[in-house]
Amino acid sequence: MGVTQLDTEVVIAGAGPTGLMLAGELRLAGVDVVVVEQLAARTGESRAGGMHSRTLEVLDQRGILDRFLAVGQLTPVGHFSGLWLDFDGMESRRPMPLMLLQDVIERLLEEWGAELGSRVRWSSAVSGIRQDQDGVTVELRTAETDPATLRARYLVGCDGGRSTVRKLSDIGFPGTPATMTALLADVELPDLPEDFIFMRRCAGGHFSALALEPGWHRVITSEYDRVADRDEPATFEQVRESLIRLAGTDFGMRSPRWISRFGDAARQADRYRKGRVLLAGDAAHIHYPAGGQGLNLGVQDAVNLGWKLASVVRGRSPESLLDSYHTERHPVAEGVLHNTRAQAALARPGAQTEALREVFGSLMVFDDVNRYLRNAITALDIRYPMDGFHPLAGRRVPDADLKTPDGTTRVYELLHSARPVLLDLRGSAELATVARGWAERVDLVEARSEDDHWAVPSVGEIPAPAALLVRPDGHVAWAADPGALDTVALRTALATWCGPAEQR
């Protein structure tokens, strides 16, 4: 039997939340995509356990949020290194984190992708990559006797912190090594005196026992200055012994469903794109999982990259558009690595750290401090570098209520098809004239804002704009106030993000 040749437009390595979200984004734009995954099937491992405001918003932008809300649990609080944050008063329809285990998130995203026509090829591990000027050939190690290849325009590595795609592409992954070891197990704890123990601090570290579902808890033990071999398997006995060292008891721990290990290593790819290979999610960045930011960061990578890659594949935009993916997302991950390093430092045992935590905790009662930290954790404060001085430029668009000739709607409902939206809130003939050059790529929507002012994280209340260009990822590429309609700047923004005007 010879080598199997399969053709597609984009290959995604990794069927986790990042890869599955990216597959759905590409399929919305009509791009043919194959997701390859080295595992033989879903493991059912629970893994990460929540989604923050901005991730809930992007799911809302695609019209699939209700699927997740139906099976998850909203919680009114979050934390910064175990110090509680208040999520009241956030400038979002989705202020509270949604507690939902990763295996459920993956199932829902895979179902959505399948509805759109994406497919996962299991038992297919990337083993080789060859780029040329026309595309990339991906060599796969499969369950079959002979290897297989997939020929595609682009390859995106969403294959985790030990990414094979990143290594084969010789992309650097600098950062800081682990200084501690945390063990995690989903178990029964019949002798636990409370339903919920969160980050109880001890002489050598801290432990938590979090209720997952009736009868089951997630135990997390963190011990400092103990760094395990990355390739050493985590065992039930190791978790039990660690909990005894920290808590003095194992609370009758039994019946493990899943066991894992993590540390506080923090690394980031020095480039997110190398020719026809791109990285997203943990393949591009790893960090201490404080505040539950990792899954969210990866899903938001996918939403930033998906529409750009689709526009290039469809021939609507030049390849240079892909460079903006690194420009925008690399600093965001840098910020997450920065705040998780700070959280890891605040979690260390010792009298000095205890004093620091007391001071830090006293500062967190101030609204400005609480707001700053929660915006960083939830990613609501991200502002991409963008031309223009309007306070919305580069920020995620608020989900404002709108009145249109067809009835009421919301801004995020206009983004379900993952197309750019030129929103005219004043009925400008000039906007309609400009929009004709991009009529096949941009949805022109005439509406009126229900509110005179919009709430913007890190900014406050601003007057509702007269018009704005919203990218498919929900970030504002151009905005104008009444009496300041700069159509030259609008044409520039349209050409930058949507490709050159159509010739008629």
Protein backbone atom coordinates (compact mmCIF):
# COMPACT_ATOMS: atom_id res chain seq x y z
CA MET A 1 0.00 0.00 0.00
CA GLY A 2 1.38 3.42 -0.91
CA VAL A 3 1.30 6.71 0.90
CA THR A 4 -2.23 8.10 1.24
CA GLN A 5 -2.58 11.63 -0.13
CA LEU A 6 -5.41 13.72 1.30
CA ASP A 7 -5.95 17.36 0.40
CA THR A 8 -7.55 20.08 2.48
CA GLU A 9 -7.10 23.81 2.92
CA VAL A 10 -6.09 23.88 6.60
CA VAL A 11 -4.83 21.14 8.88
CA ILE A 12 -5.27 21.69 12.62
CA ALA A 13 -3.14 19.55 14.91
CA GLY A 14 -4.94 18.97 18.20
CA ALA A 15 -8.62 18.37 19.02
CA GLY A 16 -8.73 20.30 22.27
CA PRO A 17 -10.80 23.46 22.83
CA THR A 18 -8.43 25.66 20.80
CA GLY A 19 -8.30 23.38 17.78
CA LEU A 20 -12.03 22.70 17.81
CA MET A 21 -12.90 26.39 18.13
CA LEU A 22 -10.57 27.21 15.25
CA ALA A 23 -12.14 24.48 13.11
CA GLY A 24 -15.59 25.97 13.67
CA GLU A 25 -14.36 29.47 12.85
CA LEU A 26 -12.84 28.29 9.57
CA ARG A 27 -15.92 26.31 8.59
CA LEU A 28 -18.14 29.36 9.14
CA ALA A 29 -16.10 30.99 6.36
CA GLY A 30 -16.39 27.93 4.12
CA VAL A 31 -12.77 26.80 4.54
CA ASP A 32 -12.13 23.06 4.25
CA VAL A 33 -10.38 21.87 7.40
CA VAL A 34 -9.17 18.60 8.91
CA VAL A 35 -8.39 18.28 12.61
CA VAL A 36 -5.80 15.59 13.37
CA GLU A 37 -5.45 14.22 16.89
CA GLN A 38 -2.89 11.73 18.15
CA LEU A 39 -5.32 10.21 20.68
CA ALA A 40 -7.50 7.33 19.54
CA ALA A 41 -10.66 8.89 21.02
CA ARG A 42 -11.83 11.29 23.69
CA THR A 43 -10.47 10.26 27.07
CA GLY A 44 -13.26 11.76 29.18
CA GLU A 45 -10.63 13.42 31.38
CA SER A 46 -12.11 16.49 33.05
CA ARG A 47 -9.02 18.76 32.82
CA ALA A 48 -9.71 22.53 32.86
CA GLY A 49 -12.85 23.69 34.57
CA GLY A 50 -14.23 27.02 33.52
CA MET A 51 -14.77 29.86 31.08
CA HIS A 52 -14.51 33.58 31.81
CA SER A 53 -16.53 36.52 30.53
CA ARG A 54 -14.76 37.17 27.25
CA THR A 55 -14.87 33.50 26.24
CA LEU A 56 -18.60 33.42 27.01
CA GLU A 57 -18.97 36.53 24.87
CA VAL A 58 -17.24 34.98 21.86
CA LEU A 59 -19.46 31.92 22.15
CA ASP A 60 -22.41 34.31 22.26
CA GLN A 61 -21.04 36.02 19.13
CA ARG A 62 -21.33 32.68 17.34
CA GLY A 63 -24.81 31.90 18.65
CA ILE A 64 -23.78 28.79 20.61
CA LEU A 65 -23.51 30.09 24.18
CA ASP A 66 -26.84 28.60 25.26
CA ARG A 67 -25.44 25.09 24.71
CA PHE A 68 -22.80 25.76 27.35
CA LEU A 69 -25.05 27.61 29.79
CA ALA A 70 -27.47 24.68 29.73
CA VAL A 71 -24.91 22.29 31.25
CA GLY A 72 -22.58 24.58 33.21
CA GLN A 73 -22.90 26.46 36.48
CA LEU A 74 -22.43 30.21 36.76
CA THR A 75 -20.49 31.33 39.82
CA PRO A 76 -20.41 34.94 41.09
CA VAL A 77 -16.75 35.02 42.15
CA GLY A 78 -13.24 34.40 40.92
CA HIS A 79 -9.84 34.76 42.51
CA PHE A 80 -6.31 36.07 42.16
CA SER A 81 -3.93 33.60 43.80
CA GLY A 82 -6.69 32.46 46.12
CA LEU A 83 -7.73 36.01 47.07
CA TRP A 84 -11.37 36.54 46.10
CA LEU A 85 -12.42 38.92 43.34
CA ASP A 86 -15.84 40.54 43.12
CA PHE A 87 -17.46 40.18 39.67
CA ASP A 88 -20.38 42.52 40.36
CA GLY A 89 -20.65 45.58 38.14
CA MET A 90 -18.65 44.19 35.23
CA GLU A 91 -19.27 45.81 31.85
CA SER A 92 -20.56 42.63 30.22
CA ARG A 93 -23.80 40.69 29.84
CA ARG A 94 -21.77 37.66 30.96
CA PRO A 95 -20.01 38.82 34.13
CA MET A 96 -19.81 35.52 36.00
CA PRO A 97 -17.46 32.63 35.20
CA LEU A 98 -19.10 29.43 33.95
CA MET A 99 -17.93 26.27 35.69
CA LEU A 100 -17.83 23.52 33.08
CA LEU A 101 -15.29 20.73 32.73
CA GLN A 102 -13.10 20.58 29.66
CA ASP A 103 -14.39 17.25 28.41
CA VAL A 104 -17.88 18.75 28.16
CA ILE A 105 -16.54 21.89 26.48
CA GLU A 106 -14.74 19.73 23.92
CA ARG A 107 -17.84 17.65 23.25
CA LEU A 108 -19.97 20.74 22.62
CA LEU A 109 -17.37 22.36 20.36
CA GLU A 110 -16.89 19.15 18.41
CA GLU A 111 -20.66 18.84 17.91
CA TRP A 112 -20.82 22.44 16.67
CA GLY A 113 -17.91 21.86 14.29
CA ALA A 114 -19.51 18.68 12.94
CA GLU A 115 -22.71 20.61 12.20
CA LEU A 116 -20.58 23.01 10.14
CA GLY A 117 -18.76 20.20 8.35
CA SER A 118 -15.43 19.89 10.18
CA ARG A 119 -14.09 16.47 11.05
CA VAL A 120 -11.58 15.00 13.48
CA ARG A 121 -9.15 12.35 12.32
CA TRP A 122 -8.20 10.33 15.42
CA SER A 123 -5.03 8.27 15.94
CA SER A 124 -3.14 10.69 13.70
CA ALA A 125 0.00 12.19 15.19
CA VAL A 126 2.04 14.77 13.28
CA SER A 127 5.47 13.29 12.57
CA GLY A 128 6.86 15.56 9.85
CA ILE A 129 6.31 18.95 8.21
CA ARG A 130 7.53 20.17 4.84
CA GLN A 131 6.77 23.71 3.69
CA ASP A 132 7.07 25.20 0.22
CA GLN A 133 5.78 28.30 -1.52
CA ASP A 134 2.43 26.69 -2.35
CA GLY A 135 1.56 24.86 0.85
CA VAL A 136 2.60 22.50 3.61
CA THR A 137 2.79 18.71 3.62
CA VAL A 138 1.96 17.17 6.99
CA GLU A 139 3.23 13.67 7.64
CA LEU A 140 1.12 11.61 10.01
CA ARG A 141 1.82 8.56 12.12
CA THR A 142 -1.43 6.64 12.19
CA ALA A 143 -2.88 3.35 13.37
CA GLU A 144 -2.49 2.03 9.84
CA THR A 145 0.61 0.19 8.67
CA ASP A 146 1.70 2.90 6.26
CA PRO A 147 2.14 6.60 7.06
CA ALA A 148 -0.23 9.17 5.63
CA THR A 149 0.21 12.71 4.44
CA LEU A 150 -2.10 15.68 4.27
CA ARG A 151 -1.37 18.42 1.81
CA ALA A 152 -2.80 21.80 2.87
CA ARG A 153 -2.39 25.52 2.43
CA TYR A 154 -1.67 26.02 6.15
CA LEU A 155 -1.01 24.03 9.31
CA VAL A 156 -2.00 25.28 12.76
CA GLY A 157 -0.45 23.65 15.81
CA CYS A 158 -2.99 23.47 18.63
CA ASP A 159 -1.28 20.40 20.05
CA GLY A 160 -0.47 21.47 23.58
CA GLY A 161 2.50 22.57 25.62
CA ARG A 162 4.76 19.86 24.22
CA SER A 163 3.69 20.74 20.69
CA THR A 164 5.21 18.56 18.00
CA VAL A 165 4.29 21.19 15.41
CA ARG A 166 6.25 23.82 17.29
CA LYS A 167 9.30 21.57 17.69
CA LEU A 168 9.31 20.37 14.08
CA SER A 169 9.02 23.99 12.93
CA ASP A 170 12.02 24.99 15.07
CA ILE A 171 10.11 27.74 16.85
CA GLY A 172 11.73 28.86 20.10
CA PHE A 173 9.89 28.45 23.40
CA PRO A 174 11.76 30.58 25.96
CA GLY A 175 10.63 31.16 29.51
CA THR A 176 11.13 30.13 33.11
CA PRO A 177 11.26 26.57 34.53
CA ALA A 178 9.03 25.09 37.19
CA THR A 179 9.78 25.73 40.88
CA MET A 180 6.98 23.62 42.36
CA THR A 181 4.82 20.58 41.69
CA ALA A 182 1.05 20.38 41.87
CA LEU A 183 -0.87 17.11 41.73
CA LEU A 184 -4.50 16.89 40.69
CA ALA A 185 -6.97 14.03 41.06
CA ASP A 186 -10.71 13.61 40.60
CA VAL A 187 -11.67 11.28 43.46
CA GLU A 188 -14.22 10.35 46.08
CA LEU A 189 -13.51 11.92 49.51
CA PRO A 190 -15.93 10.29 51.98
CA ASP A 191 -14.22 11.77 55.06
CA LEU A 192 -14.05 15.38 53.89
CA PRO A 193 -15.63 17.49 56.66
CA GLU A 194 -16.75 20.22 54.26
CA ASP A 195 -18.12 20.26 50.74
CA PHE A 196 -15.57 22.80 49.55
CA ILE A 197 -12.00 23.62 50.62
CA PHE A 198 -10.19 26.25 48.60
CA MET A 199 -6.45 26.88 48.76
CA ARG A 200 -5.91 26.02 52.39
CA ARG A 201 -2.36 27.11 53.11
CA CYS A 202 0.11 24.85 54.93
CA ALA A 203 3.80 24.94 55.88
CA GLY A 204 4.92 23.28 52.64
CA GLY A 205 2.30 24.56 50.21
CA HIS A 206 -1.48 24.44 49.92
CA PHE A 207 -4.34 22.14 48.96
CA SER A 208 -7.90 22.37 47.67
CA ALA A 209 -10.83 19.97 47.48
CA LEU A 210 -13.43 21.28 45.06
CA ALA A 211 -16.86 19.71 44.58
CA LEU A 212 -17.29 18.66 40.92
CA GLU A 213 -20.56 16.75 41.08
CA PRO A 214 -22.37 14.71 43.74
CA GLY A 215 -19.89 12.32 45.35
CA TRP A 216 -16.83 13.57 43.49
CA HIS A 217 -14.16 16.14 44.31
CA ARG A 218 -11.13 17.53 42.57
CA VAL A 219 -8.15 17.42 44.90
CA ILE A 220 -5.22 19.72 44.11
CA THR A 221 -2.03 19.65 46.17
CA SER A 222 0.77 22.16 45.60
CA GLU A 223 4.20 21.65 47.16
CA TYR A 224 7.00 24.13 46.64
CA ASP A 225 10.64 23.41 45.88
CA ARG A 226 9.63 19.92 44.75
CA VAL A 227 9.97 19.62 40.99
CA ALA A 228 9.02 16.30 39.47
CA ASP A 229 10.42 14.84 36.27
CA ARG A 230 8.11 15.91 33.44
CA ASP A 231 8.00 12.37 32.06
CA GLU A 232 7.30 10.70 35.40
CA PRO A 233 3.67 9.51 35.51
CA ALA A 234 1.50 10.93 38.27
CA THR A 235 -0.01 8.24 40.51
CA PHE A 236 -2.85 7.96 42.98
CA GLU A 237 -0.40 7.11 45.74
CA GLN A 238 1.61 10.29 45.04
CA VAL A 239 -1.53 12.40 45.38
CA ARG A 240 -2.53 10.64 48.59
CA GLU A 241 0.93 11.07 50.13
CA SER A 242 1.07 14.71 49.11
CA LEU A 243 -2.33 15.42 50.68
CA ILE A 244 -1.25 13.69 53.90
CA ARG A 245 1.90 15.82 54.04
CA LEU A 246 -0.13 18.99 53.65
CA ALA A 247 -3.42 18.24 55.42
CA GLY A 248 -2.39 15.47 57.79
CA THR A 249 -5.01 13.15 56.28
CA ASP A 250 -6.16 11.87 52.90
CA PHE A 251 -9.87 12.27 53.82
CA GLY A 252 -10.47 8.67 52.78
CA MET A 253 -9.47 9.35 49.19
CA ARG A 254 -10.55 6.57 46.80
CA SER A 255 -11.73 5.66 43.30
CA PRO A 256 -9.58 8.03 41.19
CA ARG A 257 -11.07 8.93 37.79
CA TRP A 258 -8.26 11.17 36.56
CA ILE A 259 -4.79 12.10 37.86
CA SER A 260 -2.44 14.72 36.48
CA ARG A 261 0.43 17.00 37.40
CA PHE A 262 1.33 20.62 36.64
CA GLY A 263 3.87 23.21 37.70
CA ASP A 264 4.58 26.90 37.39
CA ALA A 265 6.78 26.80 34.29
CA ALA A 266 5.99 29.76 32.04
CA ARG A 267 7.03 29.73 28.39
CA GLN A 268 5.93 31.41 25.19
CA ALA A 269 6.69 30.80 21.53
CA ASP A 270 8.95 33.52 20.20
CA ARG A 271 6.86 33.65 17.05
CA TYR A 272 3.28 32.53 16.39
CA ARG A 273 3.80 32.18 12.66
CA LYS A 274 6.58 30.64 10.63
CA GLY A 275 5.61 30.68 6.97
CA ARG A 276 2.59 28.42 6.55
CA VAL A 277 2.72 27.10 10.11
CA LEU A 278 0.96 28.88 12.98
CA LEU A 279 0.59 28.13 16.68
CA ALA A 280 -2.35 28.66 19.04
CA GLY A 281 -3.32 27.72 22.58
CA ASP A 282 -0.87 25.85 24.79
CA ALA A 283 1.36 25.18 21.77
CA ALA A 284 2.08 28.93 21.84
CA HIS A 285 2.13 29.52 25.61
CA ILE A 286 2.14 27.64 28.92
CA HIS A 287 1.82 29.05 32.42
CA TYR A 288 0.76 28.32 35.98
CA PRO A 289 -3.00 27.66 35.75
CA ALA A 290 -3.95 30.34 38.27
CA GLY A 291 -7.33 31.95 37.74
CA GLY A 292 -8.33 29.44 35.05
CA GLN A 293 -7.02 31.51 32.14
CA GLY A 294 -5.37 28.89 29.90
CA LEU A 295 -8.37 27.40 28.08
CA ASN A 296 -9.84 30.87 27.66
CA LEU A 297 -6.61 32.23 26.21
CA GLY A 298 -6.51 29.43 23.64
CA VAL A 299 -10.13 29.79 22.55
CA GLN A 300 -9.59 33.52 22.09
CA ASP A 301 -6.42 32.80 20.06
CA ALA A 302 -8.60 30.70 17.76
CA VAL A 303 -11.22 33.42 17.35
CA ASN A 304 -8.54 35.99 16.51
CA LEU A 305 -6.82 33.72 14.00
CA GLY A 306 -9.78 31.98 12.36
CA TRP A 307 -11.29 34.82 10.33
CA LYS A 308 -7.86 36.10 9.29
CA LEU A 309 -6.71 32.72 8.06
CA ALA A 310 -10.03 32.21 6.26
CA SER A 311 -9.72 35.57 4.51
CA VAL A 312 -6.22 34.69 3.29
CA VAL A 313 -7.22 31.18 2.19
CA ARG A 314 -10.20 32.59 0.30
CA GLY A 315 -7.89 35.03 -1.50
CA ARG A 316 -9.58 38.12 -0.08
CA SER A 317 -6.62 39.37 1.96
CA PRO A 318 -2.84 39.21 1.52
CA GLU A 319 -0.77 36.82 3.64
CA SER A 320 0.52 39.79 5.61
CA LEU A 321 -2.82 39.82 7.46
CA LEU A 322 -1.61 36.71 9.31
CA ASP A 323 1.24 38.70 10.85
CA SER A 324 -1.34 40.66 12.85
CA TYR A 325 -2.18 37.44 14.69
CA HIS A 326 1.24 37.45 16.40
CA THR A 327 1.17 41.23 16.82
CA GLU A 328 -2.14 41.09 18.67
CA ARG A 329 -2.07 37.82 20.57
CA HIS A 330 1.58 37.54 21.65
CA PRO A 331 1.31 40.54 24.04
CA VAL A 332 -1.94 39.16 25.46
CA ALA A 333 -0.25 35.89 26.41
CA GLU A 334 2.71 37.83 27.79
CA GLY A 335 0.27 39.56 30.11
CA VAL A 336 -1.17 36.22 31.25
CA LEU A 337 2.30 34.80 31.90
CA HIS A 338 3.06 37.94 33.88
CA ASN A 339 -0.03 37.77 36.10
CA THR A 340 0.26 34.00 36.66
CA ARG A 341 3.91 34.38 37.71
CA ALA A 342 2.71 36.98 40.20
CA GLN A 343 0.00 34.60 41.43
CA ALA A 344 2.51 31.78 41.81
CA ALA A 345 4.74 34.06 43.88
CA LEU A 346 1.78 35.07 46.08
CA ALA A 347 0.94 31.41 46.67
CA ARG A 348 4.32 30.35 48.06
CA PRO A 349 4.45 29.39 51.74
CA GLY A 350 6.36 31.43 54.29
CA ALA A 351 5.98 34.37 56.67
CA GLN A 352 7.07 36.95 54.10
CA THR A 353 4.48 35.75 51.60
CA GLU A 354 1.79 35.69 54.27
CA ALA A 355 2.52 39.34 55.01
CA LEU A 356 2.46 40.16 51.29
CA ARG A 357 -0.90 38.38 50.90
CA GLU A 358 -2.38 40.38 53.75
CA VAL A 359 -1.25 43.66 52.18
CA PHE A 360 -2.37 42.57 48.71
CA GLY A 361 -5.72 41.39 50.04
CA SER A 362 -6.33 44.72 51.78
CA LEU A 363 -5.72 46.52 48.50
CA MET A 364 -8.19 44.30 46.63
CA VAL A 365 -11.13 45.77 48.52
CA PHE A 366 -10.64 48.98 46.53
CA ASP A 367 -12.86 49.03 43.45
CA ASP A 368 -10.09 50.15 41.08
CA VAL A 369 -7.76 47.33 42.18
CA ASN A 370 -10.52 44.72 42.01
CA ARG A 371 -11.57 46.00 38.58
CA TYR A 372 -8.00 45.96 37.24
CA LEU A 373 -7.40 42.36 38.35
CA ARG A 374 -10.75 40.97 37.22
CA ASN A 375 -10.43 42.64 33.81
CA ALA A 376 -7.02 41.01 33.40
CA ILE A 377 -8.35 37.58 34.40
CA THR A 378 -11.47 37.82 32.22
CA ALA A 379 -9.69 39.41 29.19
CA LEU A 380 -12.32 42.14 28.94
CA ASP A 381 -9.67 44.87 28.92
CA ILE A 382 -7.75 43.74 25.83
CA ARG A 383 -7.04 46.50 23.34
CA TYR A 384 -5.31 45.53 20.13
CA PRO A 385 -3.06 48.11 18.44
CA MET A 386 -5.33 49.93 16.02
CA ASP A 387 -5.27 53.18 14.09
CA GLY A 388 -7.64 55.85 15.36
CA PHE A 389 -8.23 57.74 18.59
CA HIS A 390 -11.75 56.60 19.38
CA PRO A 391 -11.89 54.86 22.78
CA LEU A 392 -13.45 51.78 21.16
CA ALA A 393 -10.68 51.33 18.56
CA GLY A 394 -9.03 47.94 19.16
CA ARG A 395 -11.34 47.00 22.03
CA ARG A 396 -14.04 44.35 22.08
CA VAL A 397 -17.37 45.86 21.09
CA PRO A 398 -20.00 46.14 23.82
CA ASP A 399 -23.07 43.97 23.24
CA ALA A 400 -25.42 46.91 22.89
CA ASP A 401 -29.16 46.60 22.35
CA LEU A 402 -30.18 47.80 18.89
CA LYS A 403 -33.32 48.69 16.98
CA THR A 404 -33.29 47.83 13.28
CA PRO A 405 -35.97 48.09 10.57
CA ASP A 406 -36.56 44.35 11.17
CA GLY A 407 -36.92 44.60 14.93
CA THR A 408 -34.70 44.50 18.00
CA THR A 409 -31.35 42.73 18.18
CA ARG A 410 -27.97 42.88 19.90
CA VAL A 411 -24.53 43.61 18.48
CA TYR A 412 -23.33 40.05 19.15
CA GLU A 413 -26.26 38.57 17.25
CA LEU A 414 -24.93 40.38 14.17
CA LEU A 415 -21.68 38.38 14.45
CA HIS A 416 -23.13 34.86 14.30
CA SER A 417 -21.86 34.30 10.75
CA ALA A 418 -18.33 35.50 11.64
CA ARG A 419 -18.38 38.28 9.04
CA PRO A 420 -17.24 41.90 9.51
CA VAL A 421 -20.10 44.26 10.36
CA LEU A 422 -20.26 47.95 9.44
CA LEU A 423 -22.79 49.27 11.92
CA ASP A 424 -24.46 52.55 10.96
CA LEU A 425 -26.19 54.08 13.98
CA ARG A 426 -27.07 57.45 12.37
CA GLY A 427 -28.30 56.57 8.87
CA SER A 428 -25.34 57.96 6.90
CA ALA A 429 -25.49 57.95 3.10
CA GLU A 430 -21.69 58.28 3.08
CA LEU A 431 -21.29 54.95 4.87
CA ALA A 432 -23.50 53.18 2.36
CA THR A 433 -21.41 54.59 -0.48
CA VAL A 434 -18.15 53.42 1.07
CA ALA A 435 -19.58 50.01 1.92
CA ARG A 436 -20.39 49.22 -1.72
CA GLY A 437 -16.72 48.47 -2.33
CA TRP A 438 -16.86 45.63 0.21
CA ALA A 439 -20.48 44.54 -0.24
CA GLU A 440 -19.60 40.84 -0.69
CA ARG A 441 -17.45 40.70 2.44
CA VAL A 442 -18.95 43.12 4.95
CA ASP A 443 -22.48 43.26 6.36
CA LEU A 444 -23.80 46.84 6.43
CA VAL A 445 -26.39 47.13 9.20
CA GLU A 446 -28.43 50.27 9.86
CA ALA A 447 -29.73 50.46 13.41
CA ARG A 448 -30.22 52.71 16.41
CA SER A 449 -28.67 52.18 19.82
CA GLU A 450 -31.19 51.67 22.64
CA ASP A 451 -28.75 53.42 25.01
CA ASP A 452 -27.14 56.83 24.72
CA HIS A 453 -23.98 55.60 26.44
CA TRP A 454 -21.99 52.34 26.28
CA ALA A 455 -19.97 50.87 29.15
CA VAL A 456 -16.38 50.00 28.20
CA PRO A 457 -14.01 48.10 30.56
CA SER A 458 -11.04 50.18 31.74
CA VAL A 459 -12.65 53.26 30.16
CA GLY A 460 -16.09 53.74 31.69
CA GLU A 461 -19.19 55.20 30.04
CA ILE A 462 -18.77 56.70 26.56
CA PRO A 463 -21.36 58.22 24.19
CA ALA A 464 -22.77 55.67 21.77
CA PRO A 465 -20.82 56.03 18.51
CA ALA A 466 -22.33 57.12 15.22
CA ALA A 467 -20.82 54.20 13.35
CA LEU A 468 -18.29 51.42 13.80
CA LEU A 469 -16.60 48.62 11.89
CA VAL A 470 -16.59 45.41 13.93
CA ARG A 471 -14.25 42.59 12.97
CA PRO A 472 -15.53 38.98 13.08
CA ASP A 473 -13.74 38.46 16.41
CA GLY A 474 -15.80 41.26 17.95
CA HIS A 475 -13.03 43.86 18.12
CA VAL A 476 -13.60 47.36 16.76
CA ALA A 477 -11.47 48.25 13.73
CA TRP A 478 -12.88 51.77 13.27
CA ALA A 479 -15.39 53.95 15.09
CA ALA A 480 -16.71 57.49 14.72
CA ASP A 481 -18.70 59.87 16.86
CA PRO A 482 -21.48 62.09 15.45
CA GLY A 483 -19.99 64.85 13.32
CA ALA A 484 -16.62 63.08 13.02
CA LEU A 485 -17.28 60.60 10.22
CA ASP A 486 -13.86 60.07 8.59
CA THR A 487 -14.56 57.98 5.50
CA VAL A 488 -10.87 58.01 4.51
CA ALA A 489 -9.99 56.27 7.77
CA LEU A 490 -12.91 53.88 7.25
CA ARG A 491 -11.67 52.92 3.78
CA THR A 492 -8.23 52.29 5.24
CA ALA A 493 -9.66 50.09 7.98
CA LEU A 494 -11.78 48.13 5.50
CA ALA A 495 -8.79 47.55 3.22
CA THR A 496 -6.58 46.55 6.16
CA TRP A 497 -8.94 44.03 7.71
CA CYS A 498 -11.19 42.98 4.81
CA GLY A 499 -8.85 43.16 1.82
CA PRO A 500 -8.86 45.58 -1.11
CA ALA A 501 -12.14 46.97 -2.41
CA GLU A 502 -13.95 44.94 -5.03
CA GLN A 503 -13.60 46.11 -8.62
CA ARG A 504 -16.96 46.81 -10.23
